[in-house]
Amino acid sequence: MNMETNELLWVTKVEYAEEYKLLLTFNNNVTKLVDLQSSLYGEVFEPLKDIEKFKQFELSDWTVEWSNGADFAPEYLFELNS
C-alpha cells in the first residue's frame, strides 16, 4: 500500500524484534519489519550500534526515538526493506 504524497505518515506502534530489527506499525495500518543495522552511521547513530542502547527506544508523537536524540523520519522507515 503506497501513501499518497499529501498524506502524513507516522509510526503508531513499535516493538523490538531481534538484532537491529524493529516491528513498526504506521498510521496507514501497514506493519513492517525494518532492519536498521545499515542505517546506524553518523555521529548520532553510532552509539546505537551497542545493541543494549539500540533496544532503549521510545515511541514519540510521530516516530521511533532514542534518548540521545537519534530518530528516523517515518517515511524513511516505511521505505526500508528488512
Protein backbone atom coordinates (compact mmCIF):
# COMPACT_ATOMS: atom_id res chain seq x y z
CA MET A 1 0.00 0.00 0.00
CA ASN A 2 1.56 3.31 -1.04
CA MET A 3 0.85 6.54 0.76
CA GLU A 4 -0.32 9.43 -1.33
CA THR A 5 2.20 12.23 -1.29
CA ASN A 6 -0.10 14.61 0.57
CA GLU A 7 -0.78 12.22 3.45
CA LEU A 8 1.28 12.46 6.61
CA LEU A 9 2.90 9.25 7.76
CA TRP A 10 3.83 8.39 11.34
CA VAL A 11 4.64 5.37 13.47
CA THR A 12 1.84 4.31 15.82
CA LYS A 13 3.46 1.23 17.39
CA VAL A 14 6.99 -0.15 17.74
CA GLU A 15 8.26 -3.46 19.07
CA TYR A 16 11.77 -4.83 19.29
CA ALA A 17 12.12 -7.92 17.07
CA GLU A 18 15.78 -9.06 17.05
CA GLU A 19 19.28 -7.74 16.39
CA TYR A 20 18.70 -4.27 14.87
CA LYS A 21 15.19 -5.03 13.67
CA LEU A 22 12.01 -3.30 14.78
CA LEU A 23 8.42 -4.22 14.02
CA LEU A 24 6.67 -0.95 13.15
CA THR A 25 3.02 -0.16 12.62
CA PHE A 26 2.18 3.02 10.73
CA ASN A 27 -0.93 5.20 10.77
CA ASN A 28 -2.00 3.67 7.43
CA ASN A 29 -2.31 0.29 9.24
CA VAL A 30 0.76 -1.17 7.49
CA THR A 31 3.07 -3.21 9.72
CA LYS A 32 6.66 -3.69 8.59
CA LEU A 33 9.76 -5.34 9.94
CA VAL A 34 12.66 -2.95 9.39
CA ASP A 35 16.37 -3.68 9.78
CA LEU A 36 18.24 -0.56 10.85
CA GLN A 37 21.72 -2.07 11.10
CA SER A 38 22.99 -0.50 7.86
CA SER A 39 21.44 2.87 8.85
CA LEU A 40 23.44 3.26 12.07
CA TYR A 41 26.18 5.56 10.84
CA GLY A 42 26.98 9.16 11.64
CA GLU A 43 27.60 10.82 14.98
CA VAL A 44 24.09 10.48 16.42
CA PHE A 45 23.52 6.88 15.28
CA GLU A 46 26.95 5.32 16.03
CA PRO A 47 26.15 4.80 19.76
CA LEU A 48 23.14 2.68 18.75
CA LYS A 49 25.48 0.02 17.37
CA ASP A 50 25.63 -1.05 21.03
CA ILE A 51 22.64 -3.39 20.95
CA GLU A 52 21.65 -2.56 24.54
CA LYS A 53 21.46 1.14 23.66
CA PHE A 54 19.58 0.30 20.45
CA LYS A 55 16.91 -1.51 22.48
CA GLN A 56 16.27 1.62 24.59
CA PHE A 57 13.91 3.33 22.15
CA GLU A 58 10.60 5.04 22.72
CA LEU A 59 7.71 5.99 20.51
CA SER A 60 7.47 9.75 20.15
CA ASP A 61 4.44 11.51 18.69
CA TRP A 62 5.49 10.52 15.19
CA THR A 63 8.45 8.09 15.10
CA VAL A 64 10.91 5.93 16.99
CA GLU A 65 13.31 7.93 19.14
CA TRP A 66 16.32 7.19 21.32
CA SER A 67 17.45 9.09 24.43
CA ASN A 68 20.49 10.57 22.64
CA GLY A 69 18.17 12.37 20.22
CA ALA A 70 18.51 9.90 17.35
CA ASP A 71 15.40 9.27 15.28
CA PHE A 72 14.41 8.34 11.75
CA ALA A 73 11.78 10.00 9.61
CA PRO A 74 8.68 7.79 9.33
CA GLU A 75 8.89 7.98 5.53
CA TYR A 76 12.44 6.61 5.63
CA LEU A 77 11.37 3.75 7.92
CA PHE A 78 8.39 2.98 5.70
CA GLU A 79 10.58 2.66 2.61
CA LEU A 80 13.16 0.36 4.28
CA ASN A 81 13.18 -3.30 3.42
CA SER A 82 14.18 -5.81 6.07
